[in-house]
Amino acid sequence: MNLGRGDQMSLDTKYRPSTYSDVLGQKATIQTLKGFIKSDAGWRQSYLFAGPYGSGKTTLGRIMARALLCESPINGEPCDQCHSCKAMLMGSHDSFIEVDAATNSGKADVKKLLEELGYASFSGKKKLYLFDESHQLSKDALDALLKPMEENDRGSFDKKLVCIFATTEPEKMRQTVLSRCAPAFIIRHVDSEEIADRLQKVCEWEGFEYEREALVLIADFTEGHIRDALKAIEGVASSNEGRVGLLGVRAYLHVDRNDVICQLLLSDNSKSLSLVDELLQSTPVGIAYDRLQSACMFAISLGMKAGVPPPYWNRPLLQDIWDRYGMPLLSLADCLASRPLRPTSGMFKCDLLKWKIGGVETLQVPQPIFEDKKPIPEPQVNNPPLKKQLSLSEFSKMVKRMVSI
């Protein structure tokens, strides 16, 4: 981990993991990546890391790239002592190119990279490319990568081109590209307590006072996004004279905003409109939609005993919401989930009031019936009586009587 003391360096950059041992969680992924290096199979395929933003995809890709280019890897990890490792740590390695696919997504951009690859092949030096936000590469750009990703160096099992793709949307990657990669490495959610342990170390290294409960709250609130958690630590400490306490964290993360969201449902219609105006002064309307929907679903989960809401939600308020409305909350959550692309404060007020005034009364939610039910009798059908069928002898007798008459 980079522990350099740069006054202008943000904490998420300063404490970005630089070795596998610094990475939180991801043990299975790290073991596999080390195995590729130890078995000398690292250059035989490309790699894809997928996960939410701020979860460590690019960081893992950079460590893997350093291990691939390392002159003397140790147990599958970069040695950090050779010329190659030092050059990469300084950000000046001529064989490693990191590309932001969000701004370099076209075929022309990739074609330029492939021209450089041709020179590298002629000189015998390997080239390694890391595409961040790789799902934004155009179809033509991805097509241009396919052939060099498939071809081997002459007399070797190593590929001419090895790419490392990092993406938040792996479903947008083309199957032809994925087939040339090792099975995708999915970045797993890291436990809040484990993140809080790392935040505690950062506070100790930086000389911040802290409350453990505050660190767990940050970890929960950022939902495993370690980069966001470090930014939160920095923001709270800078605005509270180096102290990371529970009150400071709640204020910084606007946790009190969740209480206001709950009051929108519990207050009368007039008060709700006033609260909306207050809320939207400091909250983008899109976030207000998301928070109100979350409140509905947390209240439903609480009422159905299907889970406990995160600590940054007021559990008694959510219980009050469930006690008042029950399952009809689901109709409001459904409405909020289909908000327009460009929501406005007026739309938010309209959706809320429309539901509060008419939603509860008009929505009929069937309640489960647990008592034994008697079988429903089949309906009676008034069909005409069937005529009696005559035997042949009876028919003959009847004809004789008619003839005698």
Protein backbone atom coordinates (compact mmCIF):
# COMPACT_ATOMS: atom_id res chain seq x y z
CA MET A 1 0.00 0.00 0.00
CA ASN A 2 1.22 3.47 -0.83
CA LEU A 3 2.05 5.09 2.48
CA GLY A 4 3.84 8.11 1.09
CA ARG A 5 2.99 11.28 2.96
CA GLY A 6 1.86 13.73 0.30
CA ASP A 7 -0.02 16.71 1.69
CA GLN A 8 -1.96 17.15 -1.54
CA MET A 9 -2.71 13.46 -2.03
CA SER A 10 -6.24 12.27 -1.33
CA LEU A 11 -6.64 9.30 1.00
CA ASP A 12 -8.15 7.05 -1.67
CA THR A 13 -5.04 7.59 -3.81
CA LYS A 14 -2.61 7.52 -0.91
CA TYR A 15 -3.90 4.20 0.40
CA ARG A 16 -4.65 2.49 -2.90
CA PRO A 17 -3.44 -1.15 -2.54
CA SER A 18 -0.21 -1.85 -4.37
CA THR A 19 0.10 -5.56 -3.47
CA TYR A 20 -2.36 -8.42 -3.25
CA SER A 21 -2.00 -8.51 0.52
CA ASP A 22 -3.36 -4.96 0.69
CA VAL A 23 -6.55 -5.88 -1.19
CA LEU A 24 -9.59 -6.51 1.00
CA GLY A 25 -11.41 -9.78 0.34
CA GLN A 26 -11.16 -11.36 -3.14
CA LYS A 27 -9.07 -14.29 -1.83
CA ALA A 28 -10.22 -16.74 -4.52
CA THR A 29 -9.53 -14.25 -7.31
CA ILE A 30 -6.07 -13.43 -5.96
CA GLN A 31 -5.18 -17.12 -5.60
CA THR A 32 -6.11 -17.74 -9.24
CA LEU A 33 -4.17 -14.71 -10.48
CA LYS A 34 -1.09 -15.81 -8.58
CA GLY A 35 -1.47 -19.28 -10.07
CA PHE A 36 -1.28 -17.93 -13.62
CA ILE A 37 2.05 -16.26 -12.83
CA LYS A 38 3.52 -19.21 -10.93
CA SER A 39 2.65 -21.62 -13.77
CA ASP A 40 4.10 -19.26 -16.39
CA ALA A 41 0.69 -19.09 -18.09
CA GLY A 42 0.03 -15.40 -17.51
CA TRP A 43 0.46 -14.34 -21.14
CA ARG A 44 -1.75 -17.07 -22.60
CA GLN A 45 -5.05 -15.19 -22.26
CA SER A 46 -6.53 -11.81 -21.47
CA TYR A 47 -8.38 -10.89 -18.26
CA LEU A 48 -11.62 -9.20 -17.24
CA PHE A 49 -12.43 -7.71 -13.83
CA ALA A 50 -16.07 -6.83 -13.17
CA GLY A 51 -17.70 -5.12 -10.21
CA PRO A 52 -19.24 -1.86 -8.99
CA TYR A 53 -17.38 1.42 -9.13
CA GLY A 54 -14.80 1.97 -6.40
CA SER A 55 -14.54 -1.74 -5.58
CA GLY A 56 -10.93 -2.28 -6.71
CA LYS A 57 -11.20 -3.62 -10.29
CA THR A 58 -8.57 -1.32 -11.76
CA THR A 59 -6.33 -1.76 -8.72
CA LEU A 60 -6.33 -5.56 -9.14
CA GLY A 61 -5.70 -5.12 -12.86
CA ARG A 62 -2.65 -2.95 -12.20
CA ILE A 63 -1.18 -5.41 -9.70
CA MET A 64 -1.72 -8.24 -12.18
CA ALA A 65 -0.06 -6.19 -14.92
CA ARG A 66 2.94 -5.55 -12.70
CA ALA A 67 3.22 -9.25 -11.92
CA LEU A 68 3.04 -10.14 -15.63
CA LEU A 69 5.86 -7.72 -16.49
CA CYS A 70 7.93 -8.47 -13.39
CA GLU A 71 11.41 -9.84 -14.08
CA SER A 72 11.47 -12.04 -10.95
CA PRO A 73 7.96 -12.58 -9.51
CA ILE A 74 7.79 -14.05 -6.02
CA ASN A 75 5.06 -16.63 -5.35
CA GLY A 76 2.91 -15.12 -8.11
CA GLU A 77 3.33 -11.52 -6.91
CA PRO A 78 5.48 -8.72 -8.34
CA CYS A 79 8.85 -8.41 -6.61
CA ASP A 80 8.72 -4.57 -6.58
CA GLN A 81 12.53 -4.55 -6.76
CA CYS A 82 13.28 -5.05 -10.45
CA HIS A 83 13.47 -2.27 -13.01
CA SER A 84 10.06 -3.21 -14.45
CA CYS A 85 8.24 -3.09 -11.10
CA LYS A 86 9.86 0.18 -10.10
CA ALA A 87 8.96 1.74 -13.43
CA MET A 88 5.32 0.70 -13.06
CA LEU A 89 5.14 1.97 -9.48
CA MET A 90 6.45 5.31 -10.80
CA GLY A 91 3.86 5.23 -13.58
CA SER A 92 6.37 5.32 -16.43
CA HIS A 93 6.61 1.77 -17.84
CA ASP A 94 6.94 1.79 -21.65
CA SER A 95 5.37 -1.68 -21.99
CA PHE A 96 2.20 -0.92 -20.02
CA ILE A 97 -0.51 1.31 -21.44
CA GLU A 98 -3.63 2.18 -19.46
CA VAL A 99 -6.53 3.37 -21.59
CA ASP A 100 -9.66 5.17 -20.42
CA ALA A 101 -12.21 3.58 -22.72
CA ALA A 102 -14.76 6.25 -21.80
CA THR A 103 -12.78 8.81 -23.82
CA ASN A 104 -10.81 6.51 -26.17
CA SER A 105 -13.49 4.12 -27.32
CA GLY A 106 -13.30 4.26 -31.11
CA LYS A 107 -11.70 2.07 -33.73
CA ALA A 108 -9.13 4.75 -34.58
CA ASP A 109 -7.94 4.85 -30.95
CA VAL A 110 -7.50 1.08 -30.85
CA LYS A 111 -5.88 0.99 -34.29
CA LYS A 112 -3.20 3.40 -33.05
CA LEU A 113 -2.51 1.08 -30.11
CA LEU A 114 -2.23 -1.91 -32.43
CA GLU A 115 0.30 -0.08 -34.60
CA GLU A 116 2.44 0.35 -31.47
CA LEU A 117 1.94 -3.37 -30.81
CA GLY A 118 3.45 -4.13 -34.22
CA TYR A 119 6.63 -2.24 -33.36
CA ALA A 120 6.76 -4.00 -29.98
CA SER A 121 6.51 -7.42 -31.67
CA PHE A 122 9.37 -6.51 -34.01
CA SER A 123 11.62 -5.51 -31.08
CA GLY A 124 10.66 -8.55 -29.02
CA LYS A 125 9.23 -6.47 -26.13
CA LYS A 126 5.83 -7.39 -24.74
CA LYS A 127 3.02 -4.86 -24.55
CA LEU A 128 0.19 -4.95 -22.02
CA TYR A 129 -3.00 -2.90 -22.20
CA LEU A 130 -5.48 -2.13 -19.43
CA PHE A 131 -8.84 -0.80 -20.63
CA ASP A 132 -10.76 0.93 -17.86
CA GLU A 133 -14.56 1.17 -18.36
CA SER A 134 -14.04 -1.31 -21.19
CA HIS A 135 -17.78 -1.75 -21.83
CA GLN A 136 -17.66 1.66 -23.54
CA LEU A 137 -15.36 0.40 -26.30
CA SER A 138 -17.20 0.52 -29.61
CA LYS A 139 -18.07 -2.61 -31.57
CA ASP A 140 -15.48 -1.74 -34.23
CA ALA A 141 -12.83 -1.13 -31.58
CA LEU A 142 -13.49 -4.52 -29.98
CA ASP A 143 -13.45 -6.22 -33.39
CA ALA A 144 -10.02 -4.72 -34.04
CA LEU A 145 -8.69 -6.37 -30.87
CA LEU A 146 -9.96 -9.87 -31.63
CA LYS A 147 -7.32 -11.15 -34.05
CA PRO A 148 -4.20 -10.06 -32.10
CA MET A 149 -5.81 -11.39 -28.89
CA GLU A 150 -6.21 -14.77 -30.58
CA GLU A 151 -2.82 -15.11 -32.28
CA ASN A 152 0.24 -16.55 -30.54
CA ASP A 153 3.79 -15.32 -30.69
CA ARG A 154 5.84 -17.43 -33.07
CA GLY A 155 7.04 -20.60 -31.35
CA SER A 156 5.20 -19.80 -28.13
CA PHE A 157 1.89 -20.30 -26.37
CA ASP A 158 1.89 -16.62 -25.34
CA LYS A 159 -0.58 -14.34 -27.07
CA LYS A 160 0.55 -11.43 -29.22
CA LEU A 161 -1.83 -9.17 -27.33
CA VAL A 162 -2.90 -9.49 -23.71
CA CYS A 163 -5.54 -7.08 -22.46
CA ILE A 164 -6.89 -6.42 -18.99
CA PHE A 165 -10.49 -5.20 -19.08
CA ALA A 166 -12.10 -3.47 -16.09
CA THR A 167 -15.82 -2.84 -16.29
CA THR A 168 -18.88 -2.08 -14.20
CA GLU A 169 -21.14 -3.56 -16.91
CA PRO A 170 -19.75 -6.92 -18.08
CA GLU A 171 -23.03 -7.78 -19.79
CA LYS A 172 -22.18 -5.16 -22.44
CA MET A 173 -18.91 -6.87 -23.36
CA ARG A 174 -19.02 -8.91 -26.58
CA GLN A 175 -18.96 -12.66 -26.23
CA THR A 176 -16.18 -12.92 -28.80
CA VAL A 177 -13.97 -10.84 -26.50
CA LEU A 178 -14.94 -12.73 -23.35
CA SER A 179 -14.07 -16.04 -25.05
CA ARG A 180 -10.47 -14.84 -25.35
CA CYS A 181 -10.25 -14.04 -21.65
CA ALA A 182 -9.88 -16.17 -18.56
CA PRO A 183 -13.24 -16.63 -16.78
CA ALA A 184 -14.37 -13.21 -15.55
CA PHE A 185 -13.17 -12.19 -12.10
CA ILE A 186 -16.15 -10.78 -10.21
CA ILE A 187 -15.21 -8.40 -7.41
CA ARG A 188 -17.15 -9.56 -4.36
CA HIS A 189 -18.79 -7.39 -1.73
CA VAL A 190 -16.51 -6.82 1.26
CA ASP A 191 -17.94 -7.19 4.77
CA SER A 192 -18.56 -3.88 6.57
CA GLU A 193 -16.52 -4.94 9.59
CA GLU A 194 -13.54 -5.74 7.35
CA ILE A 195 -13.79 -2.32 5.70
CA ALA A 196 -14.09 -0.69 9.13
CA ASP A 197 -10.86 -2.47 10.16
CA ARG A 198 -9.05 -0.87 7.21
CA LEU A 199 -10.57 2.54 7.95
CA GLN A 200 -9.41 2.19 11.56
CA LYS A 201 -5.83 1.61 10.39
CA VAL A 202 -6.02 4.63 8.08
CA CYS A 203 -7.25 6.78 10.97
CA GLU A 204 -4.36 5.58 13.12
CA TRP A 205 -1.83 6.22 10.35
CA GLU A 206 -3.23 9.70 9.79
CA GLY A 207 -3.56 10.53 13.49
CA PHE A 208 -7.35 10.90 13.38
CA GLU A 209 -9.49 10.33 16.46
CA TYR A 210 -12.30 7.93 15.66
CA GLU A 211 -15.31 6.06 16.99
CA ARG A 212 -15.62 2.47 15.81
CA GLU A 213 -19.39 2.83 15.33
CA ALA A 214 -18.75 5.75 13.01
CA LEU A 215 -16.40 3.68 10.86
CA VAL A 216 -18.94 0.84 10.59
CA LEU A 217 -21.60 3.39 9.60
CA ILE A 218 -19.36 4.66 6.79
CA ALA A 219 -18.69 1.10 5.63
CA ASP A 220 -22.41 0.29 5.60
CA PHE A 221 -23.40 3.53 3.91
CA THR A 222 -20.86 3.19 1.08
CA GLU A 223 -21.99 -0.41 0.46
CA GLY A 224 -18.52 -1.89 0.04
CA HIS A 225 -17.13 0.89 -2.16
CA ILE A 226 -13.79 1.28 -0.43
CA ARG A 227 -12.83 4.37 -2.42
CA ASP A 228 -15.99 6.15 -1.28
CA ALA A 229 -15.35 5.06 2.31
CA LEU A 230 -11.86 6.61 2.28
CA LYS A 231 -13.24 9.81 0.78
CA ALA A 232 -15.83 9.92 3.55
CA ILE A 233 -13.13 9.52 6.22
CA GLU A 234 -11.20 12.39 4.68
CA GLY A 235 -14.25 14.62 4.45
CA VAL A 236 -15.40 13.99 8.02
CA ALA A 237 -11.92 14.46 9.48
CA SER A 238 -11.27 17.70 7.58
CA SER A 239 -14.55 19.24 8.74
CA ASN A 240 -14.28 18.05 12.37
CA GLU A 241 -10.68 18.92 13.30
CA GLY A 242 -9.32 15.43 12.68
CA ARG A 243 -12.09 13.57 14.51
CA VAL A 244 -14.24 10.87 12.90
CA GLY A 245 -17.16 10.60 15.30
CA LEU A 246 -20.68 9.29 14.88
CA LEU A 247 -22.35 12.72 14.88
CA GLY A 248 -19.88 14.08 12.35
CA VAL A 249 -20.37 11.06 10.09
CA ARG A 250 -24.15 11.29 10.26
CA ALA A 251 -24.00 14.97 9.32
CA TYR A 252 -21.46 14.44 6.52
CA LEU A 253 -23.39 11.55 4.97
CA HIS A 254 -26.70 13.36 5.43
CA VAL A 255 -28.10 10.42 7.33
CA ASP A 256 -30.66 12.80 8.83
CA ARG A 257 -32.03 13.07 5.28
CA ASN A 258 -33.37 9.53 5.70
CA ASP A 259 -35.38 10.65 8.73
CA VAL A 260 -36.94 13.41 6.61
CA ILE A 261 -37.76 10.83 3.92
CA CYS A 262 -39.60 8.74 6.51
CA GLN A 263 -41.50 11.80 7.76
CA LEU A 264 -42.79 12.38 4.23
CA LEU A 265 -44.86 9.23 4.66
CA LEU A 266 -45.84 9.77 8.28
CA SER A 267 -46.86 13.44 8.07
CA ASP A 268 -50.14 14.87 6.81
CA ASN A 269 -50.32 16.06 3.21
CA SER A 270 -49.62 19.73 3.95
CA LYS A 271 -46.62 18.96 6.14
CA SER A 272 -45.33 16.49 3.54
CA LEU A 273 -45.24 19.22 0.88
CA SER A 274 -43.26 21.49 3.20
CA LEU A 275 -40.82 18.67 3.95
CA VAL A 276 -40.33 18.02 0.22
CA ASP A 277 -39.33 21.67 -0.30
CA GLU A 278 -36.91 21.40 2.63
CA LEU A 279 -35.48 18.10 1.40
CA LEU A 280 -34.91 19.20 -2.20
CA GLN A 281 -32.92 22.26 -1.13
CA SER A 282 -29.98 19.95 -0.39
CA THR A 283 -30.90 16.74 -2.22
CA PRO A 284 -31.06 16.08 -5.97
CA VAL A 285 -34.54 14.96 -6.89
CA GLY A 286 -33.21 11.69 -8.37
CA ILE A 287 -31.67 10.78 -5.01
CA ALA A 288 -34.93 11.72 -3.27
CA TYR A 289 -36.75 9.21 -5.49
CA ASP A 290 -34.20 6.52 -4.63
CA ARG A 291 -34.31 7.20 -0.89
CA LEU A 292 -38.11 7.18 -0.73
CA GLN A 293 -38.27 3.89 -2.58
CA SER A 294 -35.63 2.46 -0.22
CA ALA A 295 -37.70 3.59 2.77
CA CYS A 296 -40.74 1.76 1.39
CA MET A 297 -38.85 -1.46 0.79
CA PHE A 298 -37.01 -1.38 4.14
CA ALA A 299 -40.34 -0.85 5.91
CA ILE A 300 -41.86 -3.79 4.04
CA SER A 301 -38.88 -6.03 4.83
CA LEU A 302 -39.07 -5.01 8.47
CA GLY A 303 -42.81 -5.62 8.64
CA MET A 304 -42.51 -9.03 6.99
CA LYS A 305 -39.58 -9.93 9.28
CA ALA A 306 -37.44 -10.48 6.18
CA GLY A 307 -34.42 -8.46 7.27
CA VAL A 308 -33.06 -5.61 9.36
CA PRO A 309 -32.49 -2.19 7.74
CA PRO A 310 -28.96 -0.73 7.68
CA PRO A 311 -27.98 1.36 10.72
CA TYR A 312 -28.23 4.63 8.78
CA TRP A 313 -32.02 4.20 8.67
CA ASN A 314 -34.22 4.93 11.69
CA ARG A 315 -35.77 1.58 12.51
CA PRO A 316 -38.63 2.90 14.73
CA LEU A 317 -39.71 5.28 11.95
CA LEU A 318 -39.70 2.47 9.40
CA GLN A 319 -41.77 0.33 11.78
CA ASP A 320 -44.28 3.21 12.13
CA ILE A 321 -44.54 3.40 8.34
CA TRP A 322 -45.27 -0.32 8.10
CA ASP A 323 -47.80 -0.18 10.92
CA ARG A 324 -49.64 2.64 9.17
CA TYR A 325 -49.65 1.43 5.57
CA GLY A 326 -48.60 -2.21 5.36
CA MET A 327 -48.33 -3.86 1.94
CA PRO A 328 -49.84 -0.92 -0.03
CA LEU A 329 -46.34 0.59 0.31
CA LEU A 330 -45.42 -1.73 -2.54
CA SER A 331 -47.53 0.31 -4.98
CA LEU A 332 -45.62 3.49 -4.07
CA ALA A 333 -42.27 1.70 -4.42
CA ASP A 334 -43.35 0.47 -7.85
CA CYS A 335 -44.35 3.99 -8.90
CA LEU A 336 -41.05 5.46 -7.72
CA ALA A 337 -39.08 2.75 -9.53
CA SER A 338 -40.43 3.98 -12.88
CA ARG A 339 -39.60 7.65 -12.42
CA PRO A 340 -38.97 9.73 -15.59
CA LEU A 341 -35.48 10.18 -16.99
CA ARG A 342 -35.43 13.84 -15.98
CA PRO A 343 -37.44 14.06 -12.77
CA THR A 344 -38.42 17.41 -11.31
CA SER A 345 -39.54 18.52 -7.86
CA GLY A 346 -43.10 18.84 -9.19
CA MET A 347 -43.09 15.23 -10.37
CA PHE A 348 -41.82 14.07 -7.00
CA LYS A 349 -44.58 15.96 -5.15
CA CYS A 350 -47.19 14.67 -7.58
CA ASP A 351 -46.18 11.02 -7.21
CA LEU A 352 -46.08 11.28 -3.42
CA LEU A 353 -49.42 13.08 -2.99
CA LYS A 354 -51.21 11.01 -5.62
CA TRP A 355 -50.35 7.90 -3.64
CA LYS A 356 -51.04 9.36 -0.20
CA ILE A 357 -54.46 10.69 -1.21
CA GLY A 358 -55.71 7.82 -3.34
CA GLY A 359 -53.19 5.00 -3.30
CA VAL A 360 -53.97 3.39 0.04
CA GLU A 361 -57.71 3.39 -0.50
CA THR A 362 -57.65 2.18 -4.08
CA LEU A 363 -55.04 -0.55 -3.82
CA GLN A 364 -56.48 -3.86 -2.77
CA VAL A 365 -53.81 -6.21 -1.49
CA PRO A 366 -55.00 -9.79 -1.01
CA GLN A 367 -54.20 -11.16 2.41
CA PRO A 368 -53.12 -14.80 2.82
CA ILE A 369 -55.70 -17.17 4.30
CA PHE A 370 -54.28 -19.78 6.61
CA GLU A 371 -57.42 -21.50 7.94
CA ASP A 372 -58.64 -24.72 6.40
CA LYS A 373 -60.91 -24.11 3.47
CA LYS A 374 -63.88 -26.33 2.58
CA PRO A 375 -63.93 -27.66 -0.94
CA ILE A 376 -65.94 -25.46 -3.26
CA PRO A 377 -69.02 -27.34 -4.56
CA GLU A 378 -69.18 -27.69 -8.28
CA PRO A 379 -71.84 -25.49 -9.90
CA GLN A 380 -75.22 -27.07 -10.60
CA VAL A 381 -76.09 -27.17 -14.28
CA ASN A 382 -79.73 -27.53 -15.27
CA ASN A 383 -79.39 -29.89 -18.19
CA PRO A 384 -82.51 -31.49 -19.73
CA PRO A 385 -83.08 -35.12 -18.66
CA LEU A 386 -81.56 -37.68 -20.93
CA LYS A 387 -84.03 -39.75 -22.96
CA LYS A 388 -84.16 -43.48 -22.28
CA GLN A 389 -82.65 -45.57 -25.04
CA LEU A 390 -84.90 -48.48 -26.30
CA SER A 391 -83.73 -51.99 -26.98
CA LEU A 392 -84.43 -53.65 -30.36
CA SER A 393 -87.19 -55.92 -28.92
CA GLU A 394 -88.92 -52.98 -27.22
CA PHE A 395 -88.76 -51.02 -30.44
CA SER A 396 -90.40 -53.96 -32.34
CA LYS A 397 -93.23 -54.28 -29.81
CA MET A 398 -93.86 -50.51 -30.02
CA VAL A 399 -94.11 -50.68 -33.83
CA LYS A 400 -96.58 -53.64 -33.67
CA ARG A 401 -98.83 -51.75 -31.28
CA MET A 402 -98.84 -48.73 -33.58
CA VAL A 403 -99.73 -50.97 -36.61
CA SER A 404 -102.58 -52.71 -34.74
CA ILE A 405 -104.04 -49.32 -33.90
